[in-house]
């Protein structure tokens, strides 16, 4: 990547960031998609693999979205570790910051001039073409470059990591879906009371009590008033439901608490006002 291309990509990054910060849905999508899928990967691939011949075009195309998504994933994990809020400005800072940083490194990187005849670099063992009798290939920057692989070997080395990445994504998607379904099906225990009518001539009133989401087992409904407390055994049906109409004092404030057998902490509690206060 040339410096001019790096400058153009930096300008595109700033424009995309401005679109995201505009707050308008259409502009946010237009700016957010390149920042999420293209720009960080282009910048990182240009920085990590500066020489065009190091990667096939298909490899570089695959690297762009992979590096872009990897930037967001790793950046989000780091933000979560430091307890930073993950909102729109945070994601924008991660994506645009990595992109601009990599482009800056590309722009500042200048290739070393070729070694002149008779210089120290030309007298190195690798520059002479062999080390201990073995051929050594150096690129124009004087760095070791292994012998190029044939297409079949490169394809195999490309498919194996890609296959592992696909398995990882499928496993993560399955785990996320299974966790979502499992959490959605959590049974919630409820205790409710139908609003009672006025107290009768004897001072009592009938109160219908309903309980749902009760797993199989024994439960106790404890009714507490100023005069004391009374316990009623609750036996849910096969669907975890229980309904009963109780005759309770009407002129007292009542507390209805549902307990699992053998436990002292109430699962659910309902307070019924006295008939005198409504």
Foldseek 3Di string as FASTA:
>chain_A
DALVVLVVLLVLLVCLLVQCVVPDVVSVVVSVVCLQAAQLQVLVCCQVPVDPVVDDPVVSVVSRRVRSNVQQVVQVVVCVVVVHDDDSVSSSCSSSVSNNVSSVSNNPDDADAADDPPDPLCPDQQNVQDDPRHGFDADRSRDTDDDDDDPVVVVVVVVVVVVVVVVVVVVVVVVVVVVVVVVVPDQAKDKDKDQWDAADPVQKTKIKIKIARADAAKKWKWKQWPVGIDIDIFGADPRRITMDIDIDGQQTKIKIFMGGPPDDDGSDIDIHHHNVVD
